[in-house]
Amino acid sequence: MARGAVDARVQLPGSKSLTNRALVLAALSDGPSVVRRALRSRDTELMAAALSTLGSTVVTTDDDWLVFPGRLRGGSIDCGLAGTVMRFVPPVAALAQGQVTFDGDPHARTRPMSGVLDALRDLGVAIDDEDRGTLPFTVSGRGRVRGGEVTIDASASSQFVSALLLAGAAYDRGVTVRHQGPPVPSLPHIEMTVACLREHDVDVTVGTDTWAVAPGRIVATDVTIEPDLSNAAPFLMLALTSGGRVQVPGWPASTTQAGDALRDLLGHMGAEVVLDDDGLTVTGGETILGIDADLHDVGELAPAVAALCALASTPSRLRGIAHIRGHETDRLAALSTELRGLGASVAERDDGLSFEPALLHGGTFHTYADHRMAHAAVVVGSAVEGVLVEDVDTTAKTFPGFAGVWAGLLG
């Protein structure tokens, strides 16, 4: 628990989402390139290892990672619990010569994969998943993919779309992805993918629920990774829970990252929010206000926002996030269970959560091997005495050393 008003400046590590997109495109590029300020975390190291297995050389000894594309080959890929690895790498593996097997952590075997696997089958790729639509599975690469048009239901994850787009320029006919189904969640992540492709001179056309990548070279391009804005959530929220001030330097003036929505969300919850040349500065007010928000496009922020809602002095409703049931865990069920266990008045709904003001107490907050659940836990723990966060080190997925940084801020 914070022992007073925090006044801190927090330097964030690089974006996991941007780092892993940059690594995939670098491995498919027409020459060597540099990924500057790459995030070093479990997810990005798993991606580097996966691409190395497939034939690239990824040098990760320094802060700037070097990528040398190689001839794609078969092998065995450990996805861990990384959605970007289990979804972005199979379309690359389809270009390999040989069989590529995929598996991961026990929780990873529950995450939906059919959107990517069925699309690859429609493009002529042989895949054996024993009709599970989940890990483990095998991609039998034949050195090329014909490409063309596919229709998928991406309502479970925007990563299904991004996965196909990232490799699409290397397919004989490129790829056109049409979404058919309920609205695609986390659209900013697809916008991020499109921006990354265009950085590499890939021709991308965007329509209504349609994305097309033309066949052609992926030009080797050095890129610099932005700070991971979603990782800022618990730190910025500490300004509200402690009545203090937290600044994050290097916050971009323009970005495709979902975490940028924190500026608007925290402003509505009672904070003063200022973005200037010094970065993003959040100052807490006299109380935390509840919020009625549709988080469909920024679902990764939902756990931390839910924790703040549980501490608010007025009711809250979080909507549009049914898809986060299919993340590292069923986040809606997990949040409802853990927050209620600390005394929160929270109701689980089909597409979100609702809250009434309540007095919280200490207890154990389980994280389910999910770094975003750990974010929720520490937000509550910063305002409530006696909250024990089980497995806080799961935050290493995107922020190695998180626990030490957090403890230093609490004093």
Protein backbone atom coordinates (compact mmCIF):
# COMPACT_ATOMS: atom_id res chain seq x y z
CA MET A 1 0.00 0.00 0.00
CA ALA A 2 1.25 3.52 -0.82
CA ARG A 3 2.37 5.30 2.36
CA GLY A 4 1.64 8.76 1.02
CA ALA A 5 1.17 10.83 -2.11
CA VAL A 6 3.54 9.44 -4.73
CA ASP A 7 5.58 11.89 -6.83
CA ALA A 8 7.45 9.85 -9.42
CA ARG A 9 8.83 9.69 -12.93
CA VAL A 10 8.62 6.21 -14.47
CA GLN A 11 10.63 5.14 -17.52
CA LEU A 12 8.71 2.44 -19.39
CA PRO A 13 10.27 -0.40 -21.37
CA GLY A 14 9.52 -0.73 -25.08
CA SER A 15 6.20 -1.91 -26.49
CA LYS A 16 5.80 -5.67 -26.73
CA SER A 17 3.24 -5.30 -29.52
CA LEU A 18 5.54 -3.13 -31.61
CA THR A 19 8.66 -5.19 -30.87
CA ASN A 20 7.12 -8.47 -31.99
CA ARG A 21 5.63 -6.96 -35.15
CA ALA A 22 8.99 -5.41 -35.96
CA LEU A 23 10.78 -8.74 -35.46
CA VAL A 24 8.41 -10.62 -37.79
CA LEU A 25 8.74 -8.03 -40.54
CA ALA A 26 12.52 -7.87 -40.11
CA ALA A 27 12.74 -11.66 -40.49
CA LEU A 28 10.77 -11.46 -43.76
CA SER A 29 12.59 -8.40 -45.09
CA ASP A 30 14.98 -8.24 -48.05
CA GLY A 31 18.04 -7.55 -45.89
CA PRO A 32 19.38 -7.04 -42.35
CA SER A 33 17.79 -4.43 -40.07
CA VAL A 34 17.86 -3.07 -36.53
CA VAL A 35 15.04 -3.00 -33.96
CA ARG A 36 16.09 -0.20 -31.63
CA ARG A 37 15.01 -0.11 -27.96
CA ALA A 38 13.46 -3.55 -28.32
CA LEU A 39 11.58 -4.80 -25.29
CA ARG A 40 13.45 -7.62 -23.58
CA SER A 41 10.76 -9.79 -22.00
CA ARG A 42 9.54 -13.36 -22.10
CA ASP A 43 7.17 -12.69 -25.02
CA THR A 44 9.76 -10.94 -27.18
CA GLU A 45 12.49 -13.46 -26.39
CA LEU A 46 10.07 -16.24 -27.39
CA MET A 47 9.47 -14.41 -30.67
CA ALA A 48 13.20 -13.99 -31.28
CA ALA A 49 13.73 -17.69 -30.56
CA ALA A 50 10.86 -18.70 -32.86
CA LEU A 51 12.22 -16.68 -35.78
CA SER A 52 15.72 -18.03 -35.14
CA THR A 53 14.33 -21.56 -35.22
CA LEU A 54 12.82 -20.79 -38.62
CA GLY A 55 16.18 -19.66 -40.03
CA SER A 56 16.72 -15.99 -39.16
CA THR A 57 19.57 -14.76 -36.98
CA VAL A 58 18.32 -12.48 -34.20
CA VAL A 59 21.07 -10.88 -32.12
CA THR A 60 19.64 -9.73 -28.78
CA THR A 61 22.79 -9.00 -26.77
CA ASP A 62 22.29 -5.21 -26.75
CA ASP A 63 19.31 -2.85 -26.38
CA ASP A 64 19.17 -2.61 -30.18
CA TRP A 65 18.44 -6.03 -31.71
CA LEU A 66 19.92 -7.04 -35.08
CA VAL A 67 17.90 -9.24 -37.43
CA PHE A 68 19.41 -11.12 -40.39
CA PRO A 69 16.77 -12.91 -42.49
CA GLY A 70 17.54 -16.49 -43.49
CA ARG A 71 16.11 -19.30 -45.57
CA LEU A 72 12.98 -20.51 -43.79
CA ARG A 73 13.07 -24.08 -42.48
CA GLY A 74 11.16 -26.43 -40.20
CA GLY A 75 11.52 -26.77 -36.45
CA SER A 76 9.75 -26.66 -33.11
CA ILE A 77 8.30 -23.41 -31.69
CA ASP A 78 7.64 -22.71 -28.00
CA CYS A 79 4.87 -20.09 -27.83
CA GLY A 80 4.86 -19.81 -24.04
CA LEU A 81 1.73 -17.80 -23.30
CA ALA A 82 2.42 -15.21 -26.03
CA GLY A 83 -0.56 -14.58 -28.30
CA THR A 84 1.67 -12.77 -30.79
CA VAL A 85 3.95 -15.82 -31.13
CA MET A 86 1.20 -18.43 -31.44
CA ARG A 87 -0.69 -16.28 -33.99
CA PHE A 88 1.93 -14.26 -35.89
CA VAL A 89 4.45 -17.06 -36.49
CA PRO A 90 2.26 -19.76 -38.19
CA PRO A 91 1.73 -17.61 -41.35
CA VAL A 92 5.53 -17.24 -41.49
CA ALA A 93 6.02 -20.97 -40.88
CA ALA A 94 3.78 -21.65 -43.87
CA LEU A 95 6.58 -20.19 -46.02
CA ALA A 96 9.18 -22.58 -44.58
CA GLN A 97 10.44 -25.73 -46.21
CA GLY A 98 9.44 -28.46 -43.75
CA GLN A 99 7.23 -29.11 -40.77
CA VAL A 100 6.93 -26.58 -37.95
CA THR A 101 5.37 -27.71 -34.67
CA PHE A 102 3.81 -25.25 -32.21
CA ASP A 103 3.03 -25.67 -28.52
CA GLY A 104 3.10 -23.54 -25.38
CA ASP A 105 2.18 -23.21 -21.71
CA PRO A 106 -0.89 -25.10 -20.40
CA HIS A 107 -2.98 -21.89 -20.41
CA ALA A 108 -1.94 -21.26 -24.02
CA ARG A 109 -3.72 -24.44 -25.11
CA THR A 110 -7.07 -22.82 -24.26
CA ARG A 111 -6.58 -19.73 -26.43
CA PRO A 112 -8.49 -19.66 -29.75
CA MET A 113 -6.43 -20.22 -32.91
CA SER A 114 -8.99 -21.29 -35.50
CA GLY A 115 -9.17 -17.84 -37.10
CA VAL A 116 -5.55 -18.10 -38.25
CA LEU A 117 -5.42 -21.85 -38.86
CA ASP A 118 -8.60 -22.01 -40.95
CA ALA A 119 -7.49 -19.01 -43.00
CA LEU A 120 -4.14 -20.65 -43.75
CA ARG A 121 -5.93 -23.82 -44.81
CA ASP A 122 -8.07 -21.74 -47.18
CA LEU A 123 -4.83 -20.41 -48.65
CA GLY A 124 -3.60 -23.94 -49.33
CA VAL A 125 -1.44 -24.56 -46.25
CA ALA A 126 -1.48 -28.02 -44.66
CA ILE A 127 -2.13 -27.85 -40.90
CA ASP A 128 -2.73 -30.62 -38.39
CA ASP A 129 -4.39 -29.55 -35.14
CA GLU A 130 -6.60 -32.64 -34.70
CA ASP A 131 -9.61 -30.32 -35.18
CA ARG A 132 -8.98 -28.55 -31.85
CA GLY A 133 -8.52 -25.02 -33.14
CA THR A 134 -5.92 -24.54 -30.41
CA LEU A 135 -2.33 -25.46 -29.61
CA PRO A 136 -0.58 -27.81 -30.21
CA PHE A 137 -0.52 -28.01 -34.01
CA THR A 138 1.81 -28.58 -36.95
CA VAL A 139 2.24 -26.42 -40.04
CA SER A 140 3.63 -28.27 -43.07
CA GLY A 141 5.46 -25.63 -45.07
CA ARG A 142 6.22 -26.06 -48.76
CA GLY A 143 8.40 -23.01 -49.26
CA ARG A 144 5.65 -20.81 -50.64
CA VAL A 145 2.00 -19.86 -50.11
CA ARG A 146 -0.27 -18.99 -53.01
CA GLY A 147 -2.14 -16.31 -51.04
CA GLY A 148 -5.39 -14.74 -52.18
CA GLU A 149 -8.62 -13.83 -50.41
CA VAL A 150 -9.92 -15.29 -47.15
CA THR A 151 -12.95 -14.59 -44.99
CA ILE A 152 -12.57 -15.07 -41.26
CA ASP A 153 -14.38 -14.32 -38.01
CA ALA A 154 -11.90 -12.16 -36.10
CA SER A 155 -14.31 -11.25 -33.29
CA ALA A 156 -12.25 -13.34 -30.85
CA SER A 157 -8.99 -11.50 -31.55
CA SER A 158 -7.67 -8.78 -33.84
CA GLN A 159 -4.43 -10.79 -33.89
CA PHE A 160 -6.04 -13.13 -36.44
CA VAL A 161 -6.07 -10.27 -38.95
CA SER A 162 -2.63 -8.92 -38.05
CA ALA A 163 -1.06 -12.37 -38.33
CA LEU A 164 -2.15 -12.79 -41.94
CA LEU A 165 -1.26 -9.23 -42.93
CA LEU A 166 2.27 -9.41 -41.52
CA ALA A 167 3.26 -12.33 -43.76
CA GLY A 168 0.93 -11.52 -46.67
CA ALA A 169 3.40 -9.61 -48.86
CA ALA A 170 5.56 -12.76 -49.04
CA TYR A 171 2.69 -14.81 -50.50
CA ASP A 172 2.46 -15.28 -54.27
CA ARG A 173 -0.78 -13.31 -54.59
CA GLY A 174 -0.53 -11.33 -51.38
CA VAL A 175 -3.52 -11.63 -49.07
CA THR A 176 -6.93 -10.03 -48.67
CA VAL A 177 -8.59 -10.59 -45.31
CA ARG A 178 -12.33 -10.03 -44.93
CA HIS A 179 -13.90 -10.12 -41.50
CA GLN A 180 -17.40 -11.53 -41.17
CA GLY A 181 -18.99 -11.66 -37.73
CA PRO A 182 -19.40 -9.51 -34.61
CA PRO A 183 -17.18 -6.40 -34.46
CA VAL A 184 -13.42 -6.96 -34.38
CA PRO A 185 -11.98 -6.05 -30.96
CA SER A 186 -8.83 -4.00 -30.41
CA LEU A 187 -8.86 -2.29 -33.81
CA PRO A 188 -5.90 -0.06 -32.81
CA HIS A 189 -3.73 -3.17 -32.96
CA ILE A 190 -4.67 -3.74 -36.60
CA GLU A 191 -3.97 -0.07 -37.28
CA MET A 192 -0.58 -0.64 -35.65
CA THR A 193 0.08 -3.59 -37.97
CA VAL A 194 -0.85 -1.55 -41.04
CA ALA A 195 1.46 1.28 -39.94
CA CYS A 196 4.33 -1.18 -39.38
CA LEU A 197 3.82 -2.70 -42.84
CA ARG A 198 3.85 0.71 -44.48
CA GLU A 199 7.12 1.51 -42.68
CA HIS A 200 8.54 -1.39 -44.71
CA ASP A 201 7.10 -0.06 -48.00
CA VAL A 202 4.40 -2.74 -48.12
CA ASP A 203 1.30 -1.78 -50.11
CA VAL A 204 -1.70 -2.07 -47.75
CA THR A 205 -5.30 -1.15 -48.57
CA VAL A 206 -7.88 -0.78 -45.79
CA GLY A 207 -11.64 -0.92 -46.32
CA THR A 208 -14.67 -1.67 -44.16
CA ASP A 209 -13.80 -4.93 -42.38
CA THR A 210 -11.35 -5.64 -45.22
CA TRP A 211 -7.56 -5.41 -45.38
CA ALA A 212 -5.45 -6.19 -48.44
CA VAL A 213 -1.68 -6.60 -48.68
CA ALA A 214 -0.18 -6.65 -52.17
CA PRO A 215 2.58 -9.16 -52.98
CA GLY A 216 6.07 -7.71 -53.08
CA ARG A 217 9.26 -6.98 -51.19
CA ILE A 218 9.25 -6.22 -47.49
CA VAL A 219 11.97 -3.57 -47.44
CA ALA A 220 14.50 -3.87 -44.63
CA THR A 221 13.97 -0.87 -42.35
CA ASP A 222 15.51 0.11 -39.04
CA VAL A 223 12.78 0.95 -36.51
CA THR A 224 12.69 2.47 -33.03
CA ILE A 225 10.22 0.99 -30.53
CA GLU A 226 7.93 3.30 -28.56
CA PRO A 227 7.43 2.86 -24.80
CA ASP A 228 4.74 0.31 -23.92
CA LEU A 229 1.82 2.59 -23.04
CA SER A 230 -0.43 -0.17 -21.70
CA ASN A 231 2.27 -0.97 -19.14
CA ALA A 232 1.83 2.59 -17.89
CA ALA A 233 -1.66 1.80 -16.53
CA PRO A 234 -0.81 0.76 -12.94
CA PHE A 235 1.81 3.50 -12.57
CA LEU A 236 -0.47 6.29 -13.78
CA MET A 237 -3.30 4.91 -11.63
CA LEU A 238 -0.99 5.15 -8.62
CA ALA A 239 -1.37 8.91 -8.95
CA LEU A 240 -5.12 8.51 -8.33
CA THR A 241 -4.92 5.89 -5.57
CA SER A 242 -2.24 7.82 -3.63
CA GLY A 243 -3.45 11.35 -4.41
CA GLY A 244 -0.06 12.02 -5.99
CA ARG A 245 1.61 12.69 -9.31
CA VAL A 246 3.21 10.30 -11.82
CA GLN A 247 4.99 11.25 -15.04
CA VAL A 248 5.89 8.94 -17.94
CA PRO A 249 8.56 10.49 -20.21
CA GLY A 250 8.64 9.76 -23.93
CA TRP A 251 4.86 9.46 -24.33
CA PRO A 252 4.31 9.87 -28.09
CA ALA A 253 2.19 12.73 -29.39
CA SER A 254 0.69 10.36 -31.96
CA THR A 255 0.52 6.56 -31.68
CA THR A 256 -1.49 3.49 -32.64
CA GLN A 257 -1.04 1.93 -29.18
CA ALA A 258 -4.22 1.14 -27.25
CA GLY A 259 -2.61 2.42 -24.06
CA ASP A 260 -2.97 6.01 -25.26
CA ALA A 261 -6.65 5.72 -24.25
CA LEU A 262 -5.49 6.04 -20.63
CA ARG A 263 -5.31 9.80 -21.10
CA ASP A 264 -9.06 10.04 -21.66
CA LEU A 265 -10.07 7.29 -19.22
CA LEU A 266 -8.11 8.67 -16.27
CA GLY A 267 -9.32 12.19 -17.01
CA HIS A 268 -12.90 10.99 -16.66
CA MET A 269 -12.03 9.21 -13.42
CA GLY A 270 -10.97 12.41 -11.68
CA ALA A 271 -7.32 12.90 -12.63
CA GLU A 272 -5.62 15.91 -14.15
CA VAL A 273 -3.88 14.70 -17.30
CA VAL A 274 -1.25 16.74 -19.16
CA LEU A 275 0.74 15.69 -22.26
CA ASP A 276 3.66 17.98 -23.12
CA ASP A 277 7.36 17.83 -24.00
CA ASP A 278 8.14 16.30 -20.61
CA GLY A 279 5.83 13.34 -21.25
CA LEU A 280 2.45 12.39 -19.83
CA THR A 281 1.76 13.61 -16.29
CA VAL A 282 -1.21 12.38 -14.26
CA THR A 283 -2.16 14.04 -10.96
CA GLY A 284 -4.75 12.48 -8.68
CA GLY A 285 -7.78 14.37 -7.42
CA GLU A 286 -9.67 14.27 -4.15
CA THR A 287 -11.55 11.12 -5.10
CA ILE A 288 -11.68 8.43 -7.77
CA LEU A 289 -14.79 8.69 -9.93
CA GLY A 290 -16.57 5.78 -11.52
CA ILE A 291 -16.84 5.56 -15.29
CA ASP A 292 -19.18 4.17 -17.95
CA ALA A 293 -16.89 3.10 -20.76
CA ASP A 294 -16.88 0.89 -23.84
CA LEU A 295 -13.41 -0.72 -23.82
CA HIS A 296 -13.96 -2.88 -26.90
CA ASP A 297 -10.98 -1.42 -28.75
CA VAL A 298 -8.70 -1.24 -25.69
CA GLY A 299 -9.54 -4.47 -23.86
CA GLU A 300 -5.97 -4.94 -22.60
CA LEU A 301 -6.57 -1.97 -20.27
CA ALA A 302 -9.72 -3.50 -18.78
CA PRO A 303 -8.13 -5.32 -15.79
CA ALA A 304 -6.35 -2.21 -14.46
CA VAL A 305 -9.37 0.00 -15.17
CA ALA A 306 -11.61 -2.53 -13.40
CA ALA A 307 -9.40 -2.36 -10.32
CA LEU A 308 -9.68 1.42 -10.28
CA CYS A 309 -13.46 1.16 -10.67
CA ALA A 310 -13.57 -1.11 -7.60
CA LEU A 311 -11.96 1.75 -5.64
CA ALA A 312 -14.20 4.49 -7.05
CA SER A 313 -16.67 6.55 -5.02
CA THR A 314 -19.41 6.29 -7.69
CA PRO A 315 -20.75 3.37 -9.79
CA SER A 316 -19.03 2.10 -12.95
CA ARG A 317 -19.87 0.02 -15.99
CA LEU A 318 -17.26 -1.47 -18.35
CA ARG A 319 -18.71 -2.72 -21.63
CA GLY A 320 -17.72 -4.28 -24.96
CA ILE A 321 -15.07 -6.64 -23.59
CA ALA A 322 -16.54 -10.13 -23.94
CA HIS A 323 -13.46 -11.01 -26.03
CA ILE A 324 -11.12 -10.76 -23.03
CA ARG A 325 -12.57 -14.06 -21.82
CA GLY A 326 -10.24 -15.65 -24.40
CA HIS A 327 -7.01 -13.98 -23.31
CA GLU A 328 -4.40 -15.49 -20.97
CA THR A 329 -7.37 -16.40 -18.77
CA ASP A 330 -11.07 -15.56 -18.75
CA ARG A 331 -10.35 -12.07 -17.49
CA LEU A 332 -13.96 -11.14 -16.76
CA ALA A 333 -14.52 -14.18 -14.56
CA ALA A 334 -11.11 -13.79 -12.93
CA LEU A 335 -11.57 -10.09 -12.19
CA SER A 336 -15.03 -10.66 -10.75
CA THR A 337 -13.78 -13.47 -8.52
CA GLU A 338 -10.65 -11.72 -7.24
CA LEU A 339 -12.14 -8.27 -6.70
CA ARG A 340 -15.19 -9.72 -4.97
CA GLY A 341 -12.82 -11.66 -2.74
CA LEU A 342 -11.43 -8.33 -1.50
CA GLY A 343 -14.89 -6.94 -0.78
CA ALA A 344 -15.68 -5.21 -4.08
CA SER A 345 -19.27 -4.94 -5.24
CA VAL A 346 -18.85 -6.21 -8.79
CA ALA A 347 -21.25 -7.98 -11.14
CA GLU A 348 -20.03 -10.03 -14.10
CA ARG A 349 -22.00 -9.42 -17.29
CA ASP A 350 -21.85 -11.07 -20.72
CA ASP A 351 -19.72 -8.27 -22.17
CA GLY A 352 -18.20 -6.61 -19.14
CA LEU A 353 -18.40 -5.71 -15.46
CA SER A 354 -20.43 -3.32 -13.33
CA PHE A 355 -19.44 -1.86 -9.95
CA GLU A 356 -21.02 -0.19 -6.95
CA PRO A 357 -18.94 1.66 -4.33
CA ALA A 358 -17.73 -0.65 -1.55
CA LEU A 359 -15.17 -0.78 1.24
CA LEU A 360 -12.38 -3.16 0.27
CA HIS A 361 -10.17 -5.23 2.57
CA GLY A 362 -6.97 -7.24 2.35
CA GLY A 363 -6.54 -10.75 1.03
CA THR A 364 -4.82 -12.74 -1.69
CA PHE A 365 -5.32 -11.67 -5.32
CA HIS A 366 -4.60 -14.53 -7.73
CA THR A 367 -3.13 -13.59 -11.13
CA TYR A 368 -3.75 -16.76 -13.20
CA ALA A 369 -0.29 -16.39 -14.85
CA ASP A 370 -1.70 -13.24 -16.49
CA HIS A 371 0.34 -10.03 -16.41
CA ARG A 372 -2.75 -7.81 -16.80
CA MET A 373 -4.34 -9.47 -13.76
CA ALA A 374 -1.18 -8.59 -11.84
CA HIS A 375 -1.67 -4.98 -12.95
CA ALA A 376 -5.17 -5.05 -11.46
CA ALA A 377 -3.85 -6.57 -8.24
CA VAL A 378 -1.19 -3.93 -7.61
CA VAL A 379 -3.64 -1.09 -8.33
CA VAL A 380 -5.96 -2.38 -5.61
CA GLY A 381 -3.01 -3.11 -3.33
CA SER A 382 -1.75 0.47 -3.63
CA ALA A 383 -4.94 1.68 -1.90
CA VAL A 384 -5.92 -1.24 0.34
CA GLU A 385 -3.87 -2.55 3.26
CA GLY A 386 -2.96 -6.23 3.25
CA VAL A 387 -3.40 -7.19 -0.41
CA LEU A 388 -1.07 -10.07 -1.30
CA VAL A 389 -0.37 -10.38 -5.03
CA GLU A 390 0.16 -14.02 -5.99
CA ASP A 391 2.88 -14.44 -8.68
CA VAL A 392 3.57 -10.77 -9.38
CA ASP A 393 6.53 -11.91 -11.49
CA THR A 394 4.11 -12.85 -14.27
CA THR A 395 4.54 -9.17 -15.23
CA ALA A 396 7.88 -10.22 -16.78
CA LYS A 397 5.82 -11.14 -19.83
CA THR A 398 6.04 -7.49 -20.88
CA PHE A 399 7.94 -5.68 -18.09
CA PRO A 400 10.91 -7.51 -16.52
CA GLY A 401 11.73 -5.98 -13.15
CA PHE A 402 8.21 -4.60 -12.70
CA ALA A 403 7.97 -5.69 -9.05
CA GLY A 404 11.13 -3.84 -8.06
CA VAL A 405 10.08 -0.65 -9.80
CA TRP A 406 6.63 -0.81 -8.20
CA ALA A 407 7.96 -1.48 -4.71
CA GLY A 408 10.32 1.46 -5.03
CA LEU A 409 7.42 3.79 -5.77
CA LEU A 410 5.40 2.65 -2.76
CA GLY A 411 8.27 3.45 -0.41
